[in-house]
PDB file of N, CA and C in Angstrom:
ATOM      1  N   MET A   1     162.731  14.757  61.775  1.00  0.00           N
ATOM      2  CA  MET A   1     162.286  14.618  63.148  1.00  0.00           C
ATOM      3  C   MET A   1     162.215  16.010  63.773  1.00  0.00           C
ATOM      4  N   ASN A   2     161.322  16.162  64.691  1.00  0.00           N
ATOM      5  CA  ASN A   2     161.092  17.419  65.384  1.00  0.00           C
ATOM      6  C   ASN A   2     162.360  17.847  66.137  1.00  0.00           C
ATOM      7  N   PRO A   3     162.880  19.066  65.902  1.00  0.00           N
ATOM      8  CA  PRO A   3     164.107  19.499  66.592  1.00  0.00           C
ATOM      9  C   PRO A   3     163.953  19.582  68.109  1.00  0.00           C
ATOM     10  N   GLU A   4     162.794  19.991  68.582  1.00  0.00           N
ATOM     11  CA  GLU A   4     162.589  20.059  70.034  1.00  0.00           C
ATOM     12  C   GLU A   4     162.569  18.661  70.647  1.00  0.00           C
ATOM     13  N   PHE A   5     161.966  17.722  69.946  1.00  0.00           N
ATOM     14  CA  PHE A   5     161.961  16.331  70.410  1.00  0.00           C
ATOM     15  C   PHE A   5     163.387  15.787  70.458  1.00  0.00           C
ATOM     16  N   GLN A   6     164.179  16.062  69.435  1.00  0.00           N
ATOM     17  CA  GLN A   6     165.579  15.617  69.417  1.00  0.00           C
ATOM     18  C   GLN A   6     166.365  16.236  70.572  1.00  0.00           C
ATOM     19  N   ARG A   7     166.143  17.517  70.822  1.00  0.00           N
ATOM     20  CA  ARG A   7     166.851  18.191  71.913  1.00  0.00           C
ATOM     21  C   ARG A   7     166.496  17.581  73.257  1.00  0.00           C
ATOM     22  N   GLN A   8     165.222  17.291  73.464  1.00  0.00           N
ATOM     23  CA  GLN A   8     164.798  16.688  74.727  1.00  0.00           C
ATOM     24  C   GLN A   8     165.379  15.278  74.885  1.00  0.00           C
ATOM     25  N   LEU A   9     165.397  14.512  73.801  1.00  0.00           N
ATOM     26  CA  LEU A   9     166.003  13.172  73.883  1.00  0.00           C
ATOM     27  C   LEU A   9     167.485  13.268  74.205  1.00  0.00           C
ATOM     28  N   TRP A  10     168.162  14.237  73.608  1.00  0.00           N
ATOM     29  CA  TRP A  10     169.585  14.426  73.869  1.00  0.00           C
ATOM     30  C   TRP A  10     169.817  14.767  75.340  1.00  0.00           C
ATOM     31  N   LEU A  11     168.935  15.574  75.921  1.00  0.00           N
ATOM     32  CA  LEU A  11     169.078  15.947  77.323  1.00  0.00           C
ATOM     33  C   LEU A  11     168.732  14.798  78.271  1.00  0.00           C
ATOM     34  N   GLN A  12     167.766  13.964  77.920  1.00  0.00           N
ATOM     35  CA  GLN A  12     167.276  12.917  78.817  1.00  0.00           C
ATOM     36  C   GLN A  12     168.135  11.651  78.811  1.00  0.00           C
ATOM     37  N   PHE A  13     168.678  11.288  77.657  1.00  0.00           N
ATOM     38  CA  PHE A  13     169.334   9.989  77.517  1.00  0.00           C
ATOM     39  C   PHE A  13     170.842  10.138  77.443  1.00  0.00           C
ATOM     40  N   SER A  14     171.492   9.960  78.568  1.00  0.00           N
ATOM     41  CA  SER A  14     172.952   9.879  78.593  1.00  0.00           C
ATOM     42  C   SER A  14     173.321   8.404  78.738  1.00  0.00           C
ATOM     43  N   PRO A  15     174.538   8.021  78.369  1.00  0.00           N
ATOM     44  CA  PRO A  15     174.908   6.605  78.507  1.00  0.00           C
ATOM     45  C   PRO A  15     174.778   6.084  79.933  1.00  0.00           C
ATOM     46  N   THR A  16     175.081   6.916  80.903  1.00  0.00           N
ATOM     47  CA  THR A  16     174.972   6.492  82.299  1.00  0.00           C
ATOM     48  C   THR A  16     173.514   6.235  82.669  1.00  0.00           C
ATOM     49  N   ARG A  17     172.632   7.133  82.278  1.00  0.00           N
ATOM     50  CA  ARG A  17     171.213   6.964  82.609  1.00  0.00           C
ATOM     51  C   ARG A  17     170.617   5.762  81.887  1.00  0.00           C
ATOM     52  N   LEU A  18     171.098   5.496  80.666  1.00  0.00           N
ATOM     53  CA  LEU A  18     170.609   4.334  79.920  1.00  0.00           C
ATOM     54  C   LEU A  18     170.994   3.026  80.597  1.00  0.00           C
ATOM     55  N   LEU A  19     172.094   3.027  81.321  1.00  0.00           N
ATOM     56  CA  LEU A  19     172.569   1.811  81.982  1.00  0.00           C
ATOM     57  C   LEU A  19     172.040   1.671  83.410  1.00  0.00           C
ATOM     58  N   VAL A  20     171.946   2.776  84.131  1.00  0.00           N
ATOM     59  CA  VAL A  20     171.609   2.712  85.561  1.00  0.00           C
ATOM     60  C   VAL A  20     170.157   2.300  85.792  1.00  0.00           C
ATOM     61  N   LEU A  21     169.219   2.860  85.044  1.00  0.00           N
ATOM     62  CA  LEU A  21     167.808   2.565  85.296  1.00  0.00           C
ATOM     63  C   LEU A  21     167.466   1.085  85.112  1.00  0.00           C
ATOM     64  N   PRO A  22     167.882   0.430  84.015  1.00  0.00           N
ATOM     65  CA  PRO A  22     167.590  -1.010  83.921  1.00  0.00           C
ATOM     66  C   PRO A  22     168.249  -1.825  85.029  1.00  0.00           C
ATOM     67  N   LEU A  23     169.446  -1.432  85.442  1.00  0.00           N
ATOM     68  CA  LEU A  23     170.097  -2.168  86.528  1.00  0.00           C
ATOM     69  C   LEU A  23     169.357  -2.002  87.852  1.00  0.00           C
ATOM     70  N   LEU A  24     168.872  -0.795  88.131  1.00  0.00           N
ATOM     71  CA  LEU A  24     168.090  -0.588  89.359  1.00  0.00           C
ATOM     72  C   LEU A  24     166.776  -1.361  89.325  1.00  0.00           C
ATOM     73  N   LEU A  25     166.127  -1.373  88.171  1.00  0.00           N
ATOM     74  CA  LEU A  25     164.878  -2.132  88.056  1.00  0.00           C
ATOM     75  C   LEU A  25     165.134  -3.636  88.178  1.00  0.00           C
ATOM     76  N   LEU A  26     166.209  -4.104  87.587  1.00  0.00           N
ATOM     77  CA  LEU A  26     166.575  -5.516  87.709  1.00  0.00           C
ATOM     78  C   LEU A  26     166.855  -5.880  89.164  1.00  0.00           C
ATOM     79  N   ALA A  27     167.551  -5.013  89.876  1.00  0.00           N
ATOM     80  CA  ALA A  27     167.819  -5.261  91.295  1.00  0.00           C
ATOM     81  C   ALA A  27     166.525  -5.278  92.101  1.00  0.00           C
ATOM     82  N   CYS A  28     165.604  -4.399  91.760  1.00  0.00           N
ATOM     83  CA  CYS A  28     164.322  -4.358  92.464  1.00  0.00           C
ATOM     84  C   CYS A  28     163.522  -5.638  92.220  1.00  0.00           C
ATOM     85  N   PHE A  29     163.435  -6.070  90.953  1.00  0.00           N
ATOM     86  CA  PHE A  29     162.706  -7.303  90.655  1.00  0.00           C
ATOM     87  C   PHE A  29     163.412  -8.528  91.234  1.00  0.00           C
ATOM     88  N   ALA A  30     164.743  -8.520  91.262  1.00  0.00           N
ATOM     89  CA  ALA A  30     165.480  -9.641  91.855  1.00  0.00           C
ATOM     90  C   ALA A  30     165.241  -9.710  93.358  1.00  0.00           C
ATOM     91  N   ALA A  31     165.180  -8.560  94.004  1.00  0.00           N
ATOM     92  CA  ALA A  31     164.921  -8.550  95.443  1.00  0.00           C
ATOM     93  C   ALA A  31     163.532  -9.103  95.747  1.00  0.00           C
ATOM     94  N   ILE A  32     162.562  -8.765  94.920  1.00  0.00           N
ATOM     95  CA  ILE A  32     161.213  -9.309  95.115  1.00  0.00           C
ATOM     96  C   ILE A  32     161.215 -10.807  94.840  1.00  0.00           C
ATOM     97  N   GLY A  33     161.917 -11.220  93.775  1.00  0.00           N
ATOM     98  CA  GLY A  33     161.953 -12.637  93.425  1.00  0.00           C
ATOM     99  C   GLY A  33     162.662 -13.490  94.453  1.00  0.00           C
ATOM    100  N   LEU A  34     163.665 -12.926  95.102  1.00  0.00           N
ATOM    101  CA  LEU A  34     164.430 -13.679  96.098  1.00  0.00           C
ATOM    102  C   LEU A  34     163.896 -13.506  97.524  1.00  0.00           C
ATOM    103  N   SER A  35     162.801 -12.795  97.670  1.00  0.00           N
ATOM    104  CA  SER A  35     162.284 -12.521  99.009  1.00  0.00           C
ATOM    105  C   SER A  35     161.715 -13.758  99.701  1.00  0.00           C
ATOM    106  N   GLY A  36     161.369 -14.777  98.932  1.00  0.00           N
ATOM    107  CA  GLY A  36     160.896 -16.014  99.528  1.00  0.00           C
ATOM    108  C   GLY A  36     159.418 -16.020  99.854  1.00  0.00           C
ATOM    109  N   THR A  37     158.652 -15.114  99.289  1.00  0.00           N
ATOM    110  CA  THR A  37     157.222 -15.120  99.546  1.00  0.00           C
ATOM    111  C   THR A  37     156.563 -16.263  98.788  1.00  0.00           C
ATOM    112  N   ASP A  38     155.399 -16.660  99.225  1.00  0.00           N
ATOM    113  CA  ASP A  38     154.686 -17.763  98.580  1.00  0.00           C
ATOM    114  C   ASP A  38     154.078 -17.340  97.247  1.00  0.00           C
ATOM    115  N   HIS A  39     153.754 -16.081  97.117  1.00  0.00           N
ATOM    116  CA  HIS A  39     153.100 -15.579  95.908  1.00  0.00           C
ATOM    117  C   HIS A  39     154.043 -14.641  95.152  1.00  0.00           C
ATOM    118  N   ILE A  40     155.135 -15.196  94.640  1.00  0.00           N
ATOM    119  CA  ILE A  40     156.140 -14.380  93.956  1.00  0.00           C
ATOM    120  C   ILE A  40     155.560 -13.765  92.689  1.00  0.00           C
ATOM    121  N   ALA A  41     154.751 -14.526  91.947  1.00  0.00           N
ATOM    122  CA  ALA A  41     154.176 -13.996  90.710  1.00  0.00           C
ATOM    123  C   ALA A  41     153.291 -12.778  90.987  1.00  0.00           C
ATOM    124  N   THR A  42     152.517 -12.846  92.033  1.00  0.00           N
ATOM    125  CA  THR A  42     151.666 -11.714  92.390  1.00  0.00           C
ATOM    126  C   THR A  42     152.514 -10.522  92.830  1.00  0.00           C
ATOM    127  N   ALA A  43     153.534 -10.783  93.622  1.00  0.00           N
ATOM    128  CA  ALA A  43     154.409  -9.700  94.088  1.00  0.00           C
ATOM    129  C   ALA A  43     155.140  -9.044  92.923  1.00  0.00           C
ATOM    130  N   LEU A  44     155.610  -9.846  91.958  1.00  0.00           N
ATOM    131  CA  LEU A  44     156.278  -9.283  90.791  1.00  0.00           C
ATOM    132  C   LEU A  44     155.314  -8.479  89.938  1.00  0.00           C
ATOM    133  N   GLY A  45     154.096  -8.954  89.799  1.00  0.00           N
ATOM    134  CA  GLY A  45     153.094  -8.225  89.030  1.00  0.00           C
ATOM    135  C   GLY A  45     152.748  -6.888  89.651  1.00  0.00           C
ATOM    136  N   VAL A  46     152.549  -6.886  90.963  1.00  0.00           N
ATOM    137  CA  VAL A  46     152.226  -5.642  91.663  1.00  0.00           C
ATOM    138  C   VAL A  46     153.409  -4.679  91.602  1.00  0.00           C
ATOM    139  N   THR A  47     154.612  -5.210  91.775  1.00  0.00           N
ATOM    140  CA  THR A  47     155.809  -4.371  91.707  1.00  0.00           C
ATOM    141  C   THR A  47     155.970  -3.776  90.316  1.00  0.00           C
ATOM    142  N   GLY A  48     155.778  -4.596  89.278  1.00  0.00           N
ATOM    143  CA  GLY A  48     155.893  -4.094  87.914  1.00  0.00           C
ATOM    144  C   GLY A  48     154.875  -3.014  87.603  1.00  0.00           C
ATOM    145  N   ALA A  49     153.647  -3.220  88.021  1.00  0.00           N
ATOM    146  CA  ALA A  49     152.604  -2.224  87.769  1.00  0.00           C
ATOM    147  C   ALA A  49     152.859  -0.936  88.561  1.00  0.00           C
ATOM    148  N   THR A  50     153.305  -1.074  89.787  1.00  0.00           N
ATOM    149  CA  THR A  50     153.576   0.099  90.612  1.00  0.00           C
ATOM    150  C   THR A  50     154.751   0.898  90.069  1.00  0.00           C
ATOM    151  N   LEU A  51     155.830   0.208  89.710  1.00  0.00           N
ATOM    152  CA  LEU A  51     156.987   0.912  89.155  1.00  0.00           C
ATOM    153  C   LEU A  51     156.667   1.553  87.816  1.00  0.00           C
ATOM    154  N   PHE A  52     155.840   0.891  87.009  1.00  0.00           N
ATOM    155  CA  PHE A  52     155.422   1.482  85.741  1.00  0.00           C
ATOM    156  C   PHE A  52     154.683   2.797  86.000  1.00  0.00           C
ATOM    157  N   GLY A  53     153.753   2.780  86.930  1.00  0.00           N
ATOM    158  CA  GLY A  53     153.017   3.995  87.257  1.00  0.00           C
ATOM    159  C   GLY A  53     153.910   5.096  87.787  1.00  0.00           C
ATOM    160  N   LEU A  54     154.838   4.744  88.674  1.00  0.00           N
ATOM    161  CA  LEU A  54     155.742   5.750  89.226  1.00  0.00           C
ATOM    162  C   LEU A  54     156.644   6.348  88.158  1.00  0.00           C
ATOM    163  N   LEU A  55     157.161   5.490  87.279  1.00  0.00           N
ATOM    164  CA  LEU A  55     158.082   5.988  86.256  1.00  0.00           C
ATOM    165  C   LEU A  55     157.367   6.800  85.183  1.00  0.00           C
ATOM    166  N   VAL A  56     156.277   6.262  84.671  1.00  0.00           N
ATOM    167  CA  VAL A  56     155.609   6.930  83.554  1.00  0.00           C
ATOM    168  C   VAL A  56     154.843   8.156  84.020  1.00  0.00           C
ATOM    169  N   TRP A  57     153.986   7.992  85.003  1.00  0.00           N
ATOM    170  CA  TRP A  57     153.173   9.124  85.429  1.00  0.00           C
ATOM    171  C   TRP A  57     153.923  10.050  86.363  1.00  0.00           C
ATOM    172  N   GLY A  58     154.604   9.503  87.339  1.00  0.00           N
ATOM    173  CA  GLY A  58     155.313  10.348  88.293  1.00  0.00           C
ATOM    174  C   GLY A  58     156.531  11.022  87.705  1.00  0.00           C
ATOM    175  N   MET A  59     157.478  10.219  87.248  1.00  0.00           N
ATOM    176  CA  MET A  59     158.722  10.765  86.730  1.00  0.00           C
ATOM    177  C   MET A  59     158.508  11.517  85.413  1.00  0.00           C
ATOM    178  N   GLY A  60     157.636  10.992  84.562  1.00  0.00           N
ATOM    179  CA  GLY A  60     157.363  11.655  83.290  1.00  0.00           C
ATOM    180  C   GLY A  60     156.719  13.016  83.488  1.00  0.00           C
ATOM    181  N   THR A  61     155.767  13.099  84.400  1.00  0.00           N
ATOM    182  CA  THR A  61     155.096  14.367  84.662  1.00  0.00           C
ATOM    183  C   THR A  61     156.057  15.383  85.259  1.00  0.00           C
ATOM    184  N   LEU A  62     156.887  14.952  86.183  1.00  0.00           N
ATOM    185  CA  LEU A  62     157.871  15.862  86.770  1.00  0.00           C
ATOM    186  C   LEU A  62     158.876  16.343  85.730  1.00  0.00           C
ATOM    187  N   ALA A  63     159.298  15.466  84.828  1.00  0.00           N
ATOM    188  CA  ALA A  63     160.260  15.850  83.795  1.00  0.00           C
ATOM    189  C   ALA A  63     159.665  16.869  82.829  1.00  0.00           C
ATOM    190  N   VAL A  64     158.416  16.664  82.444  1.00  0.00           N
ATOM    191  CA  VAL A  64     157.756  17.620  81.546  1.00  0.00           C
ATOM    192  C   VAL A  64     157.585  18.965  82.243  1.00  0.00           C
ATOM    193  N   GLY A  65     157.151  18.951  83.472  1.00  0.00           N
ATOM    194  CA  GLY A  65     156.994  20.203  84.217  1.00  0.00           C
ATOM    195  C   GLY A  65     158.310  20.935  84.393  1.00  0.00           C
ATOM    196  N   ALA A  66     159.366  20.191  84.693  1.00  0.00           N
ATOM    197  CA  ALA A  66     160.682  20.814  84.855  1.00  0.00           C
ATOM    198  C   ALA A  66     161.193  21.370  83.532  1.00  0.00           C
ATOM    199  N   SER A  67     160.904  20.678  82.450  1.00  0.00           N
ATOM    200  CA  SER A  67     161.332  21.146  81.136  1.00  0.00           C
ATOM    201  C   SER A  67     160.658  22.462  80.763  1.00  0.00           C
ATOM    202  N   VAL A  68     159.373  22.552  80.993  1.00  0.00           N
ATOM    203  CA  VAL A  68     158.643  23.783  80.691  1.00  0.00           C
ATOM    204  C   VAL A  68     159.095  24.910  81.617  1.00  0.00           C
ATOM    205  N   MET A  69     159.282  24.601  82.898  1.00  0.00           N
ATOM    206  CA  MET A  69     159.720  25.633  83.836  1.00  0.00           C
ATOM    207  C   MET A  69     161.126  26.120  83.524  1.00  0.00           C
ATOM    208  N   ASP A  70     162.009  25.241  83.048  1.00  0.00           N
ATOM    209  CA  ASP A  70     163.346  25.668  82.642  1.00  0.00           C
ATOM    210  C   ASP A  70     163.266  26.659  81.485  1.00  0.00           C
ATOM    211  N   GLU A  71     162.390  26.391  80.535  1.00  0.00           N
ATOM    212  CA  GLU A  71     162.222  27.314  79.411  1.00  0.00           C
ATOM    213  C   GLU A  71     161.715  28.669  79.885  1.00  0.00           C
ATOM    214  N   ILE A  72     160.787  28.658  80.820  1.00  0.00           N
ATOM    215  CA  ILE A  72     160.233  29.926  81.314  1.00  0.00           C
ATOM    216  C   ILE A  72     161.261  30.672  82.158  1.00  0.00           C
ATOM    217  N   ASN A  73     161.945  29.962  83.043  1.00  0.00           N
ATOM    218  CA  ASN A  73     162.929  30.611  83.919  1.00  0.00           C
ATOM    219  C   ASN A  73     164.128  31.148  83.151  1.00  0.00           C
ATOM    220  N   GLU A  74     164.550  30.448  82.107  1.00  0.00           N
ATOM    221  CA  GLU A  74     165.703  30.900  81.319  1.00  0.00           C
ATOM    222  C   GLU A  74     165.299  31.877  80.221  1.00  0.00           C
ATOM    223  N   ARG A  75     164.024  32.165  80.136  1.00  0.00           N
ATOM    224  CA  ARG A  75     163.468  33.112  79.172  1.00  0.00           C
ATOM    225  C   ARG A  75     163.784  32.740  77.727  1.00  0.00           C
ATOM    226  N   THR A  76     163.770  31.457  77.432  1.00  0.00           N
ATOM    227  CA  THR A  76     163.980  30.997  76.058  1.00  0.00           C
ATOM    228  C   THR A  76     162.679  30.589  75.386  1.00  0.00           C
ATOM    229  N   TRP A  77     161.589  30.560  76.146  1.00  0.00           N
ATOM    230  CA  TRP A  77     160.311  30.145  75.584  1.00  0.00           C
ATOM    231  C   TRP A  77     159.874  31.101  74.473  1.00  0.00           C
ATOM    232  N   ASP A  78     160.020  32.416  74.696  1.00  0.00           N
ATOM    233  CA  ASP A  78     159.609  33.393  73.686  1.00  0.00           C
ATOM    234  C   ASP A  78     160.494  33.313  72.442  1.00  0.00           C
ATOM    235  N   GLN A  79     161.788  33.074  72.627  1.00  0.00           N
ATOM    236  CA  GLN A  79     162.684  32.945  71.474  1.00  0.00           C
ATOM    237  C   GLN A  79     162.307  31.736  70.631  1.00  0.00           C
ATOM    238  N   GLN A  80     162.037  30.618  71.283  1.00  0.00           N
ATOM    239  CA  GLN A  80     161.653  29.426  70.546  1.00  0.00           C
ATOM    240  C   GLN A  80     160.289  29.604  69.904  1.00  0.00           C
ATOM    241  N   ARG A  81     159.408  30.299  70.580  1.00  0.00           N
ATOM    242  CA  ARG A  81     158.078  30.511  70.038  1.00  0.00           C
ATOM    243  C   ARG A  81     158.125  31.356  68.766  1.00  0.00           C
ATOM    244  N   MET A  82     159.105  32.218  68.655  1.00  0.00           N
ATOM    245  CA  MET A  82     159.240  33.069  67.481  1.00  0.00           C
ATOM    246  C   MET A  82     160.041  32.391  66.362  1.00  0.00           C
ATOM    247  N   SER A  83     160.473  31.166  66.558  1.00  0.00           N
ATOM    248  CA  SER A  83     161.235  30.464  65.534  1.00  0.00           C
ATOM    249  C   SER A  83     160.304  29.967  64.432  1.00  0.00           C
ATOM    250  N   ALA A  84     160.896  29.336  63.427  1.00  0.00           N
ATOM    251  CA  ALA A  84     160.109  28.841  62.292  1.00  0.00           C
ATOM    252  C   ALA A  84     159.311  27.594  62.641  1.00  0.00           C
ATOM    253  N   MET A  85     159.612  26.976  63.763  1.00  0.00           N
ATOM    254  CA  MET A  85     158.899  25.767  64.156  1.00  0.00           C
ATOM    255  C   MET A  85     157.471  26.112  64.578  1.00  0.00           C
ATOM    256  N   GLN A  86     156.553  25.266  64.188  1.00  0.00           N
ATOM    257  CA  GLN A  86     155.149  25.472  64.546  1.00  0.00           C
ATOM    258  C   GLN A  86     154.973  25.299  66.063  1.00  0.00           C
ATOM    259  N   PRO A  87     154.072  26.058  66.669  1.00  0.00           N
ATOM    260  CA  PRO A  87     153.897  25.959  68.132  1.00  0.00           C
ATOM    261  C   PRO A  87     153.495  24.564  68.606  1.00  0.00           C
ATOM    262  N   TRP A  88     152.610  23.892  67.864  1.00  0.00           N
ATOM    263  CA  TRP A  88     152.209  22.554  68.284  1.00  0.00           C
ATOM    264  C   TRP A  88     153.355  21.570  68.176  1.00  0.00           C
ATOM    265  N   ALA A  89     154.192  21.715  67.155  1.00  0.00           N
ATOM    266  CA  ALA A  89     155.345  20.822  67.017  1.00  0.00           C
ATOM    267  C   ALA A  89     156.316  21.003  68.178  1.00  0.00           C
ATOM    268  N   MET A  90     156.516  22.260  68.585  1.00  0.00           N
ATOM    269  CA  MET A  90     157.403  22.512  69.720  1.00  0.00           C
ATOM    270  C   MET A  90     156.797  21.965  71.011  1.00  0.00           C
ATOM    271  N   THR A  91     155.508  22.168  71.188  1.00  0.00           N
ATOM    272  CA  THR A  91     154.852  21.695  72.414  1.00  0.00           C
ATOM    273  C   THR A  91     154.876  20.182  72.503  1.00  0.00           C
ATOM    274  N   TRP A  92     154.486  19.512  71.440  1.00  0.00           N
ATOM    275  CA  TRP A  92     154.470  18.049  71.476  1.00  0.00           C
ATOM    276  C   TRP A  92     155.877  17.476  71.547  1.00  0.00           C
ATOM    277  N   GLY A  93     156.855  18.132  70.907  1.00  0.00           N
ATOM    278  CA  GLY A  93     158.241  17.682  71.030  1.00  0.00           C
ATOM    279  C   GLY A  93     158.736  17.764  72.455  1.00  0.00           C
ATOM    280  N   LYS A  94     158.341  18.832  73.144  1.00  0.00           N
ATOM    281  CA  LYS A  94     158.741  18.987  74.545  1.00  0.00           C
ATOM    282  C   LYS A  94     158.030  17.963  75.436  1.00  0.00           C
ATOM    283  N   LEU A  95     156.727  17.762  75.222  1.00  0.00           N
ATOM    284  CA  LEU A  95     155.971  16.811  76.045  1.00  0.00           C
ATOM    285  C   LEU A  95     156.447  15.380  75.840  1.00  0.00           C
ATOM    286  N   ALA A  96     156.600  14.983  74.585  1.00  0.00           N
ATOM    287  CA  ALA A  96     157.008  13.599  74.305  1.00  0.00           C
ATOM    288  C   ALA A  96     158.473  13.367  74.629  1.00  0.00           C
ATOM    289  N   GLY A  97     159.318  14.341  74.352  1.00  0.00           N
ATOM    290  CA  GLY A  97     160.754  14.161  74.587  1.00  0.00           C
ATOM    291  C   GLY A  97     161.124  14.158  76.054  1.00  0.00           C
ATOM    292  N   ALA A  98     160.526  15.050  76.821  1.00  0.00           N
ATOM    293  CA  ALA A  98     160.869  15.129  78.243  1.00  0.00           C
ATOM    294  C   ALA A  98     160.378  13.914  79.010  1.00  0.00           C
ATOM    295  N   SER A  99     159.275  13.330  78.585  1.00  0.00           N
ATOM    296  CA  SER A  99     158.750  12.159  79.300  1.00  0.00           C
ATOM    297  C   SER A  99     159.274  10.835  78.752  1.00  0.00           C
ATOM    298  N   ALA A 100     160.138  10.871  77.754  1.00  0.00           N
ATOM    299  CA  ALA A 100     160.613   9.645  77.109  1.00  0.00           C
ATOM    300  C   ALA A 100     161.430   8.759  78.054  1.00  0.00           C
ATOM    301  N   TYR A 101     162.178   9.350  78.968  1.00  0.00           N
ATOM    302  CA  TYR A 101     162.987   8.531  79.882  1.00  0.00           C
ATOM    303  C   TYR A 101     162.101   7.754  80.855  1.00  0.00           C
ATOM    304  N   GLY A 102     161.015   8.346  81.273  1.00  0.00           N
ATOM    305  CA  GLY A 102     160.056   7.617  82.118  1.00  0.00           C
ATOM    306  C   GLY A 102     159.444   6.452  81.365  1.00  0.00           C
ATOM    307  N   TRP A 103     159.123   6.656  80.084  1.00  0.00           N
ATOM    308  CA  TRP A 103     158.592   5.566  79.263  1.00  0.00           C
ATOM    309  C   TRP A 103     159.651   4.500  79.012  1.00  0.00           C
ATOM    310  N   TYR A 104     160.905   4.899  78.924  1.00  0.00           N
ATOM    311  CA  TYR A 104     162.002   3.936  78.785  1.00  0.00           C
ATOM    312  C   TYR A 104     162.049   3.008  80.002  1.00  0.00           C
ATOM    313  N   GLY A 105     161.945   3.569  81.190  1.00  0.00           N
ATOM    314  CA  GLY A 105     161.912   2.759  82.403  1.00  0.00           C
ATOM    315  C   GLY A 105     160.647   1.931  82.495  1.00  0.00           C
ATOM    316  N   GLY A 106     159.528   2.512  82.088  1.00  0.00           N
ATOM    317  CA  GLY A 106     158.268   1.777  82.096  1.00  0.00           C
ATOM    318  C   GLY A 106     158.284   0.585  81.159  1.00  0.00           C
ATOM    319  N   ALA A 107     159.017   0.707  80.063  1.00  0.00           N
ATOM    320  CA  ALA A 107     159.123  -0.415  79.120  1.00  0.00           C
ATOM    321  C   ALA A 107     159.837  -1.605  79.753  1.00  0.00           C
ATOM    322  N   PHE A 108     160.712  -1.360  80.717  1.00  0.00           N
ATOM    323  CA  PHE A 108     161.373  -2.467  81.415  1.00  0.00           C
ATOM    324  C   PHE A 108     160.489  -3.081  82.496  1.00  0.00           C
ATOM    325  N   CYS A 109     159.499  -2.350  82.950  1.00  0.00           N
ATOM    326  CA  CYS A 109     158.598  -2.858  83.986  1.00  0.00           C
ATOM    327  C   CYS A 109     157.487  -3.730  83.416  1.00  0.00           C
ATOM    328  N   LEU A 110     157.044  -3.431  82.213  1.00  0.00           N
ATOM    329  CA  LEU A 110     155.925  -4.181  81.637  1.00  0.00           C
ATOM    330  C   LEU A 110     156.224  -5.659  81.400  1.00  0.00           C
ATOM    331  N   PRO A 111     157.400  -6.052  80.886  1.00  0.00           N
ATOM    332  CA  PRO A 111     157.643  -7.498  80.739  1.00  0.00           C
ATOM    333  C   PRO A 111     157.604  -8.254  82.065  1.00  0.00           C
ATOM    334  N   GLY A 112     158.070  -7.630  83.131  1.00  0.00           N
ATOM    335  CA  GLY A 112     157.975  -8.269  84.444  1.00  0.00           C
ATOM    336  C   GLY A 112     156.534  -8.442  84.873  1.00  0.00           C
ATOM    337  N   PHE A 113     155.717  -7.449  84.596  1.00  0.00           N
ATOM    338  CA  PHE A 113     154.293  -7.527  84.916  1.00  0.00           C
ATOM    339  C   PHE A 113     153.618  -8.597  84.075  1.00  0.00           C
ATOM    340  N   TRP A 114     153.880  -8.622  82.772  1.00  0.00           N
ATOM    341  CA  TRP A 114     153.256  -9.612  81.895  1.00  0.00           C
ATOM    342  C   TRP A 114     153.718 -11.031  82.224  1.00  0.00           C
ATOM    343  N   ALA A 115     155.004 -11.205  82.543  1.00  0.00           N
ATOM    344  CA  ALA A 115     155.489 -12.540  82.907  1.00  0.00           C
ATOM    345  C   ALA A 115     154.843 -13.012  84.201  1.00  0.00           C
ATOM    346  N   ALA A 116     154.646 -12.113  85.118  1.00  0.00           N
ATOM    347  CA  ALA A 116     153.990 -12.491  86.376  1.00  0.00           C
ATOM    348  C   ALA A 116     152.545 -12.869  86.128  1.00  0.00           C
ATOM    349  N   CYS A 117     151.883 -12.172  85.228  1.00  0.00           N
ATOM    350  CA  CYS A 117     150.487 -12.516  84.908  1.00  0.00           C
ATOM    351  C   CYS A 117     150.415 -13.874  84.215  1.00  0.00           C
ATOM    352  N   CYS A 118     151.345 -14.157  83.329  1.00  0.00           N
ATOM    353  CA  CYS A 118     151.354 -15.437  82.629  1.00  0.00           C
ATOM    354  C   CYS A 118     151.692 -16.592  83.578  1.00  0.00           C
ATOM    355  N   CYS A 119     152.624 -16.359  84.489  1.00  0.00           N
ATOM    356  CA  CYS A 119     153.004 -17.431  85.445  1.00  0.00           C
ATOM    357  C   CYS A 119     151.878 -17.690  86.432  1.00  0.00           C
ATOM    358  N   ARG A 120     151.113 -16.696  86.754  1.00  0.00           N
ATOM    359  CA  ARG A 120     150.023 -16.856  87.706  1.00  0.00           C
ATOM    360  C   ARG A 120     148.915 -17.721  87.114  1.00  0.00           C
ATOM    361  N   ARG A 121     148.743 -17.677  85.795  1.00  0.00           N
ATOM    362  CA  ARG A 121     147.711 -18.471  85.139  1.00  0.00           C
ATOM    363  C   ARG A 121     148.044 -19.950  85.095  1.00  0.00           C
ATOM    364  N   CYS A 122     149.334 -20.259  85.126  1.00  0.00           N
ATOM    365  CA  CYS A 122     149.761 -21.671  85.027  1.00  0.00           C
ATOM    366  C   CYS A 122     149.475 -22.451  86.295  1.00  0.00           C
TER     367      CYS A 122
END
């Protein structure tokens, strides 16, 4: 496995973060479900799609940008670039690894969106 990807996963996934994000998303979906609206399936679908977009595109993009800026500010980018790792492997490891936590949260939003779409058809 790519060492840069492993390093980014190690930085992004702590036990606390692995537990807190699903609980916050569950609380958000429960609040929508218990709100008493007539169109709960539609509200859950919109909430799931919106949270997916915020987590994957918003949070993922910010994490990747912060990861690259940390390398530049700490002046470790040149050291890593001179290592035996290929430049594309380092770049893709950083891009995929830093945004992995956003995709982790997005994976919890999609089942809520799909269930809302399926319930709406019934």
